Amino acid sequence: MATQSFSPRRVVVTFSLPQRLAESIPDSWEEELARMLNRHIGDWVDMDQSEQELNDNALKGRASLFSAYHTSDGTQVWVITEWDRSYTKVLLPEDY
């Protein structure tokens, strides 16, 4: 489990993500998106052990951070922070 964290600078969201979430979970999509971003800064317990370790090591070095979360309706969302922490992308896997 991650014990470190970081401060994201700029967050960008793909065009299709808010549309998809607003259709599938109209009453809570903004809150779920905020929850995923808050978890991404250091809580990767939903990921397998090797992925958690990659993110822990990325915090110590200059590597990208990757998280995958599911909304309450099961939609998978990826959160990726660039190696230099300049921005964090939030997207659907098919947007990658």
Foldseek 3Di string as FASTA:
>chain_A
DFDAFDDADAEDEDPVVVVVQCVPPVVCSVVQVVVVVVCQRTPQVVDDPVLNVVQNVLVVAQAKHWHWDADPVGQIWIWIAHSVSHYIYIYGPVVD
